[in-house]
Amino acid sequence: MLKSLYTEIAGKKYRLGYTTGTCSAAAAMAAVMLFEGKKSESVVINTPYGIDVEIDIIYSEKNNNYAVCGVVKDGGDDYDVTSGIKIYAKAQLTEGETFVTGGEGIGIVTKKGLKCNVGEYAINPEPIKMIKKAVSSVSDKNYKITIYAPEGVDIAKKTFNPRLGIQGGISIIGTTGIVTPMSEEAWKESCSYELSVKKASGKKSVCFVFGNYGEVFATKYLGINKDCIVSISNFVGYMLDTALNMAFDNVLIVGHTGKLIKVAAGIFHTHSKVADGRMETLCTLVALEGGDYEVIEKIYNCNTTDMAEKILKDSNLSHIWQKACEIAKKKCCDRIFNKMNVGCIMFNNENEILGKSKNWSYIINELR
């Protein structure tokens, strides 16, 4: 059972968790059982991952017309803002086939491009299958299952949901039913969902930023429409590939020097645990420009690109950033075989543009 299941990452054990979809299935199963006369302290759900999950039931309520059961979402050792939220399922008999809907705290889809249609509750297809399977495993009757989570109204504000076009609550998601700690796949999926929403809305050009810092710079100092911005975290290569597969015309990457200098080195996953090379890349560029050994040595010993920026400025080598930006753009274009127009803009902590690829003005006009 999941209560004792762990995975090992980089030599350290992490406890697995379960998704909002698994929680909903467990609550629905317990509610149906309660309605039919059996109160349970816990239920066992078979997940698409292939393992059984035992989940405690923390709330039970029954009357003549319905039954409600609730569970607490446990994300394991993964950082997840929905971990600890209470998710409830209300079971009511229906004359038609068993179906699943949402209630308070479950978001409503307002933009195209997601797995749910506009106007529907954000309950993805896989969780719906899990819920129906859980219900049919304990009853041969048909039920209307309403999933709700009152805390979801506030918790959703801390997620990507509003940006994705999911308003008023959390999503009921989970392809496997299991949350793997430190899973990059879930993060990538979230980023690609955001990109698919832009595509579905008719966008042909998008602006990639690495996080909130880049988004503020892009909107405030470049005048880019917020609706065109996609946060890509560290997944430059993955998101370029995804944009190409979705047939976007233009991508403008806006990033701090510390991120884009890695891209100039051909590093397409910019998390420090994967690769660094910031100073080595700058040193190479300075050397190619005929910079003094003393300058190269100082840069090599810098801890941050901000420190290196000062050295370059004092040495009249600030144009290195422009060169780095052009190289980053070329690396991106090479990766996608020049099948999409890519531009780059590099900025510093003072919100100053240090470099911009030659095609930046054309793309930015598409984004304003």
Protein backbone atom coordinates (compact mmCIF):
# COMPACT_ATOMS: atom_id res chain seq x y z
CA MET A 1 0.00 0.00 0.00
CA LEU A 2 1.06 3.60 -0.62
CA LYS A 3 1.30 4.38 3.09
CA SER A 4 4.64 2.57 3.13
CA LEU A 5 5.80 3.18 -0.46
CA TYR A 6 8.92 5.19 -1.21
CA THR A 7 11.06 6.08 -4.17
CA GLU A 8 14.79 6.82 -4.21
CA ILE A 9 16.19 9.94 -5.86
CA ALA A 10 19.90 10.71 -5.79
CA GLY A 11 20.43 8.22 -2.99
CA LYS A 12 17.70 9.64 -0.75
CA LYS A 13 14.31 8.08 0.01
CA TYR A 14 11.14 10.06 -0.59
CA ARG A 15 7.59 9.09 0.31
CA LEU A 16 5.17 8.95 -2.60
CA GLY A 17 1.84 10.75 -2.43
CA TYR A 18 -1.45 10.62 -4.29
CA THR A 19 -3.19 13.00 -6.64
CA THR A 20 -6.39 14.98 -6.32
CA GLY A 21 -7.87 12.45 -8.75
CA THR A 22 -7.07 9.54 -6.47
CA CYS A 23 -8.50 11.45 -3.50
CA SER A 24 -11.73 12.09 -5.40
CA ALA A 25 -12.05 8.42 -6.33
CA ALA A 26 -11.52 7.39 -2.70
CA ALA A 27 -14.09 9.87 -1.39
CA ALA A 28 -16.59 8.79 -4.06
CA MET A 29 -16.12 5.10 -3.26
CA ALA A 30 -16.62 5.72 0.46
CA ALA A 31 -19.68 7.90 -0.17
CA VAL A 32 -21.38 5.24 -2.27
CA MET A 33 -20.58 2.57 0.31
CA LEU A 34 -21.97 4.81 3.06
CA PHE A 35 -25.16 5.48 1.10
CA GLU A 36 -25.66 1.74 0.72
CA GLY A 37 -25.15 1.14 4.42
CA LYS A 38 -21.46 0.50 4.96
CA LYS A 39 -19.34 3.12 6.74
CA SER A 40 -15.59 2.77 6.15
CA GLU A 41 -12.59 4.10 8.04
CA SER A 42 -10.48 3.75 4.90
CA VAL A 43 -10.77 2.55 1.30
CA VAL A 44 -8.36 1.02 -1.20
CA ILE A 45 -8.07 2.52 -4.70
CA ASN A 46 -6.30 0.80 -7.58
CA THR A 47 -4.41 3.52 -9.44
CA PRO A 48 -3.42 3.67 -13.13
CA TYR A 49 0.16 3.58 -11.80
CA GLY A 50 -0.48 -0.07 -11.01
CA ILE A 51 -0.39 0.04 -7.23
CA ASP A 52 -3.10 0.07 -4.60
CA VAL A 53 -3.56 3.13 -2.40
CA GLU A 54 -5.14 2.98 1.04
CA ILE A 55 -6.73 6.31 2.00
CA ASP A 56 -8.30 7.24 5.32
CA ILE A 57 -11.84 8.65 5.35
CA ILE A 58 -11.92 11.71 7.60
CA TYR A 59 -15.55 12.77 7.15
CA SER A 60 -18.84 10.91 6.72
CA GLU A 61 -22.42 12.21 6.43
CA LYS A 62 -25.58 10.43 5.32
CA ASN A 63 -29.29 11.14 4.94
CA ASN A 64 -32.09 9.68 2.85
CA ASN A 65 -31.08 11.42 -0.39
CA TYR A 66 -27.29 11.45 -0.39
CA ALA A 67 -24.06 10.55 1.35
CA VAL A 68 -20.85 12.58 1.62
CA CYS A 69 -17.35 11.42 2.47
CA GLY A 70 -14.10 13.36 2.66
CA VAL A 71 -10.37 12.66 2.54
CA VAL A 72 -7.21 14.67 3.07
CA LYS A 73 -4.92 15.03 0.07
CA ASP A 74 -1.43 13.71 0.85
CA GLY A 75 1.30 14.74 -1.59
CA GLY A 76 3.96 12.65 0.13
CA ASP A 77 7.34 14.33 0.24
CA ASP A 78 6.59 16.39 -2.85
CA TYR A 79 6.05 20.12 -2.41
CA ASP A 80 2.46 20.71 -3.48
CA VAL A 81 0.18 23.55 -2.41
CA THR A 82 -2.80 21.19 -2.56
CA SER A 83 -1.26 18.81 -0.04
CA GLY A 84 -3.44 18.78 3.07
CA ILE A 85 -6.58 20.04 1.34
CA LYS A 86 -9.85 18.28 2.19
CA ILE A 87 -11.61 16.81 -0.84
CA TYR A 88 -15.21 15.62 -0.62
CA ALA A 89 -17.50 13.51 -2.78
CA LYS A 90 -21.30 13.60 -2.62
CA ALA A 91 -23.12 10.53 -3.91
CA GLN A 92 -26.74 10.69 -5.11
CA LEU A 93 -28.69 8.07 -7.02
CA THR A 94 -29.48 8.94 -10.64
CA GLU A 95 -31.68 7.40 -13.29
CA GLY A 96 -29.06 7.76 -16.00
CA GLU A 97 -25.51 6.48 -16.10
CA THR A 98 -23.04 7.33 -13.36
CA PHE A 99 -21.51 10.74 -14.02
CA VAL A 100 -19.09 13.09 -12.30
CA THR A 101 -19.42 16.82 -11.77
CA GLY A 102 -17.85 19.49 -9.58
CA GLY A 103 -18.86 21.84 -6.83
CA GLU A 104 -17.39 24.49 -4.53
CA GLY A 105 -13.63 24.85 -4.81
CA ILE A 106 -13.31 23.00 -8.11
CA GLY A 107 -12.30 25.32 -10.94
CA ILE A 108 -14.28 26.06 -14.08
CA VAL A 109 -12.43 25.93 -17.43
CA THR A 110 -12.64 29.27 -19.26
CA LYS A 111 -10.07 28.82 -22.04
CA LYS A 112 -9.61 26.28 -24.82
CA GLY A 113 -6.61 23.96 -24.94
CA LEU A 114 -7.07 21.97 -21.74
CA LYS A 115 -8.32 18.40 -21.39
CA CYS A 116 -11.74 19.69 -20.30
CA ASN A 117 -14.08 21.75 -22.45
CA VAL A 118 -14.78 25.41 -21.74
CA GLY A 119 -17.53 25.76 -19.16
CA GLU A 120 -16.84 22.38 -17.57
CA TYR A 121 -15.42 21.70 -14.13
CA ALA A 122 -11.68 21.09 -14.25
CA ILE A 123 -11.89 17.35 -13.62
CA ASN A 124 -9.64 15.61 -16.12
CA PRO A 125 -10.64 12.46 -18.03
CA GLU A 126 -8.34 10.07 -16.16
CA PRO A 127 -9.67 11.02 -12.70
CA ILE A 128 -13.23 10.68 -14.03
CA LYS A 129 -12.39 7.14 -15.14
CA MET A 130 -10.90 6.42 -11.71
CA ILE A 131 -13.99 7.76 -9.93
CA LYS A 132 -16.40 5.74 -12.08
CA LYS A 133 -14.27 2.62 -11.65
CA ALA A 134 -14.21 3.09 -7.88
CA VAL A 135 -17.99 3.52 -7.75
CA SER A 136 -18.70 0.50 -9.95
CA SER A 137 -16.36 -1.63 -7.85
CA VAL A 138 -18.68 -1.31 -4.83
CA SER A 139 -22.12 -0.86 -6.41
CA ASP A 140 -24.13 -1.84 -9.48
CA LYS A 141 -26.32 1.28 -9.15
CA ASN A 142 -25.87 4.58 -10.98
CA TYR A 143 -24.80 7.72 -9.14
CA LYS A 144 -24.27 11.40 -9.59
CA ILE A 145 -20.91 12.11 -7.97
CA THR A 146 -20.17 15.71 -7.03
CA ILE A 147 -16.56 16.49 -6.12
CA TYR A 148 -15.93 19.60 -4.06
CA ALA A 149 -13.19 21.16 -1.96
CA PRO A 150 -14.12 24.45 -0.24
CA GLU A 151 -10.47 25.29 0.52
CA GLY A 152 -9.74 25.09 -3.19
CA VAL A 153 -11.04 28.61 -3.82
CA ASP A 154 -8.09 30.15 -1.95
CA ILE A 155 -5.51 27.46 -2.71
CA ALA A 156 -6.06 27.81 -6.46
CA LYS A 157 -4.72 31.37 -6.28
CA LYS A 158 -1.30 29.89 -5.45
CA THR A 159 -1.30 27.67 -8.56
CA PHE A 160 -1.03 28.16 -12.34
CA ASN A 161 -4.79 27.64 -12.67
CA PRO A 162 -5.81 31.31 -13.20
CA ARG A 163 -3.16 31.65 -15.91
CA LEU A 164 -4.33 28.44 -17.57
CA GLY A 165 -7.90 29.66 -17.63
CA ILE A 166 -9.24 27.67 -14.70
CA GLN A 167 -11.18 29.97 -12.43
CA GLY A 168 -12.54 29.60 -8.92
CA GLY A 169 -10.79 26.51 -7.68
CA ILE A 170 -8.33 23.66 -8.02
CA SER A 171 -8.12 21.02 -10.74
CA ILE A 172 -8.81 17.34 -10.24
CA ILE A 173 -5.88 15.84 -12.09
CA GLY A 174 -3.45 12.95 -12.16
CA THR A 175 -2.63 10.61 -15.03
CA THR A 176 -1.10 7.92 -12.84
CA GLY A 177 -2.90 8.68 -9.57
CA ILE A 178 0.45 8.89 -7.80
CA VAL A 179 2.56 11.94 -6.93
CA THR A 180 6.28 11.33 -7.35
CA PRO A 181 8.39 13.74 -5.24
CA MET A 182 10.50 16.18 -7.20
CA SER A 183 8.83 15.05 -10.43
CA GLU A 184 9.82 17.23 -13.36
CA GLU A 185 7.29 15.57 -15.59
CA ALA A 186 4.37 17.12 -13.72
CA TRP A 187 5.99 20.55 -13.94
CA LYS A 188 6.66 20.11 -17.66
CA GLU A 189 3.08 19.04 -18.19
CA SER A 190 1.86 22.18 -16.47
CA CYS A 191 4.08 24.34 -18.69
CA SER A 192 2.94 22.60 -21.85
CA TYR A 193 -0.71 22.98 -20.79
CA GLU A 194 -0.16 26.72 -20.55
CA LEU A 195 1.32 26.72 -24.04
CA SER A 196 -1.60 24.71 -25.43
CA VAL A 197 -4.02 27.26 -23.96
CA LYS A 198 -2.23 30.03 -25.87
CA LYS A 199 -2.40 28.00 -29.06
CA ALA A 200 -6.08 27.24 -28.61
CA SER A 201 -6.79 30.95 -28.14
CA GLY A 202 -5.29 31.66 -31.58
CA LYS A 203 -1.84 32.88 -30.52
CA LYS A 204 0.93 32.38 -33.08
CA SER A 205 3.63 34.11 -31.05
CA VAL A 206 4.57 33.61 -27.39
CA CYS A 207 7.07 34.99 -24.91
CA PHE A 208 8.95 32.48 -22.76
CA VAL A 209 10.05 33.60 -19.30
CA PHE A 210 11.81 31.57 -16.63
CA GLY A 211 9.59 32.72 -13.78
CA ASN A 212 7.89 35.66 -12.09
CA TYR A 213 10.96 37.88 -12.36
CA GLY A 214 11.01 37.54 -16.13
CA GLU A 215 7.26 38.01 -16.40
CA VAL A 216 7.40 41.33 -14.52
CA PHE A 217 10.23 42.54 -16.75
CA ALA A 218 8.47 41.44 -19.94
CA THR A 219 5.20 43.15 -19.07
CA LYS A 220 6.47 46.27 -17.31
CA TYR A 221 9.60 47.10 -19.30
CA LEU A 222 8.94 45.51 -22.69
CA GLY A 223 5.20 46.10 -22.88
CA ILE A 224 4.43 42.49 -23.77
CA ASN A 225 0.83 41.41 -23.43
CA LYS A 226 0.50 39.18 -20.37
CA ASP A 227 -1.73 36.82 -22.34
CA CYS A 228 1.25 36.00 -24.57
CA ILE A 229 3.59 35.00 -21.73
CA VAL A 230 4.38 31.40 -20.83
CA SER A 231 6.47 30.48 -17.78
CA ILE A 232 8.88 27.67 -18.71
CA SER A 233 10.79 27.20 -15.43
CA ASN A 234 14.13 25.62 -16.44
CA PHE A 235 12.80 23.63 -19.40
CA VAL A 236 14.06 25.67 -22.35
CA GLY A 237 14.67 22.78 -24.71
CA TYR A 238 11.49 20.92 -23.84
CA MET A 239 9.35 24.01 -24.29
CA LEU A 240 11.01 24.96 -27.59
CA ASP A 241 10.31 21.45 -28.86
CA THR A 242 6.72 21.69 -27.63
CA ALA A 243 6.19 25.08 -29.27
CA LEU A 244 7.53 23.67 -32.53
CA ASN A 245 5.22 20.67 -32.33
CA MET A 246 2.29 23.03 -31.74
CA ALA A 247 3.31 25.00 -34.84
CA PHE A 248 3.91 28.41 -33.25
CA ASP A 249 5.50 30.97 -35.57
CA ASN A 250 7.55 33.02 -33.10
CA VAL A 251 9.05 32.57 -29.65
CA LEU A 252 10.77 35.36 -27.74
CA ILE A 253 12.82 34.19 -24.74
CA VAL A 254 13.22 36.86 -22.08
CA GLY A 255 15.63 35.99 -19.31
CA HIS A 256 18.10 37.21 -16.73
CA THR A 257 21.78 36.95 -17.61
CA GLY A 258 22.20 33.98 -15.28
CA LYS A 259 19.72 31.93 -17.31
CA LEU A 260 20.34 32.96 -20.90
CA ILE A 261 24.10 32.68 -20.64
CA LYS A 262 23.55 28.96 -20.03
CA VAL A 263 21.46 28.74 -23.18
CA ALA A 264 24.35 30.38 -25.04
CA ALA A 265 26.41 27.39 -23.92
CA GLY A 266 23.85 25.02 -25.39
CA ILE A 267 22.39 24.14 -21.99
CA PHE A 268 18.66 23.62 -22.45
CA HIS A 269 17.82 22.61 -18.88
CA THR A 270 18.98 25.56 -16.81
CA HIS A 271 18.63 24.22 -13.25
CA SER A 272 21.95 24.38 -11.41
CA LYS A 273 21.72 20.69 -10.50
CA VAL A 274 21.86 19.84 -14.22
CA ALA A 275 24.59 22.16 -15.47
CA ASP A 276 26.21 25.51 -14.87
CA GLY A 277 28.90 26.79 -17.23
CA ARG A 278 27.96 30.46 -16.78
CA MET A 279 31.45 31.73 -16.01
CA GLU A 280 33.14 29.31 -18.37
CA THR A 281 30.96 30.61 -21.19
CA LEU A 282 31.67 34.23 -20.34
CA CYS A 283 35.39 33.52 -20.07
CA THR A 284 35.38 31.95 -23.52
CA LEU A 285 33.59 34.93 -25.03
CA VAL A 286 35.99 37.39 -23.37
CA ALA A 287 38.96 35.38 -24.62
CA LEU A 288 37.59 35.39 -28.17
CA GLU A 289 37.31 39.18 -27.90
CA GLY A 290 40.97 39.40 -26.93
CA GLY A 291 40.31 40.14 -23.26
CA ASP A 292 43.18 40.23 -20.80
CA TYR A 293 44.02 37.14 -18.79
CA GLU A 294 43.43 39.10 -15.59
CA VAL A 295 39.86 39.91 -16.64
CA ILE A 296 39.19 36.29 -17.60
CA GLU A 297 40.52 35.09 -14.25
CA LYS A 298 38.35 37.54 -12.33
CA ILE A 299 35.24 36.44 -14.21
CA TYR A 300 36.07 32.78 -13.73
CA ASN A 301 36.11 33.32 -9.97
CA CYS A 302 32.76 35.14 -9.90
CA ASN A 303 29.84 33.49 -8.15
CA THR A 304 27.13 35.32 -10.08
CA THR A 305 26.63 36.92 -13.47
CA ASP A 306 25.89 40.18 -11.64
CA MET A 307 29.46 40.19 -10.34
CA ALA A 308 30.74 39.36 -13.82
CA GLU A 309 28.67 42.17 -15.31
CA LYS A 310 30.52 44.76 -13.24
CA ILE A 311 33.90 43.39 -14.32
CA LEU A 312 32.87 43.43 -17.97
CA LYS A 313 31.61 47.00 -17.66
CA ASP A 314 34.81 48.21 -16.00
CA SER A 315 36.81 46.50 -18.77
CA ASN A 316 34.74 48.03 -21.60
CA LEU A 317 33.49 44.59 -22.55
CA SER A 318 29.77 45.02 -21.94
CA HIS A 319 29.13 44.15 -25.58
CA ILE A 320 29.85 40.54 -24.59
CA TRP A 321 26.23 40.27 -23.42
CA GLN A 322 24.97 41.19 -26.88
CA LYS A 323 27.20 38.53 -28.38
CA ALA A 324 25.96 35.99 -25.83
CA CYS A 325 22.37 36.85 -26.67
CA GLU A 326 22.96 36.26 -30.38
CA ILE A 327 24.64 32.94 -29.64
CA ALA A 328 21.76 31.87 -27.38
CA LYS A 329 19.34 32.66 -30.18
CA LYS A 330 21.42 30.61 -32.64
CA LYS A 331 21.59 27.64 -30.24
CA CYS A 332 17.80 27.71 -29.94
CA CYS A 333 17.30 27.92 -33.68
CA ASP A 334 19.76 25.08 -34.25
CA ARG A 335 17.85 22.91 -31.80
CA ILE A 336 14.58 23.29 -33.73
CA PHE A 337 16.35 23.18 -37.14
CA ASN A 338 15.35 26.77 -37.89
CA LYS A 339 11.71 25.74 -38.29
CA MET A 340 10.50 28.50 -35.96
CA ASN A 341 11.53 32.10 -35.43
CA VAL A 342 13.27 32.48 -32.03
CA GLY A 343 14.56 35.67 -30.44
CA CYS A 344 16.27 36.41 -27.12
CA ILE A 345 16.41 39.37 -24.74
CA MET A 346 18.77 39.40 -21.76
CA PHE A 347 18.35 41.70 -18.76
CA ASN A 348 20.03 42.34 -15.41
CA ASN A 349 18.95 42.99 -11.82
CA GLU A 350 18.56 46.69 -12.57
CA ASN A 351 15.96 45.85 -15.24
CA GLU A 352 18.32 46.99 -17.99
CA ILE A 353 18.50 45.24 -21.34
CA LEU A 354 22.06 43.98 -21.82
CA GLY A 355 21.54 42.07 -25.05
CA LYS A 356 18.91 41.40 -27.67
CA SER A 357 19.01 39.30 -30.80
CA LYS A 358 18.65 41.11 -34.10
CA ASN A 359 15.15 39.83 -34.75
CA TRP A 360 13.74 40.87 -31.37
CA SER A 361 11.83 43.92 -32.59
CA TYR A 362 9.80 41.95 -35.13
CA ILE A 363 8.75 39.32 -32.59
CA ILE A 364 8.01 41.80 -29.81
CA ASN A 365 5.64 43.70 -32.07
CA GLU A 366 3.69 40.46 -32.44
CA LEU A 367 3.47 40.21 -28.64
CA ARG A 368 2.30 43.71 -27.76
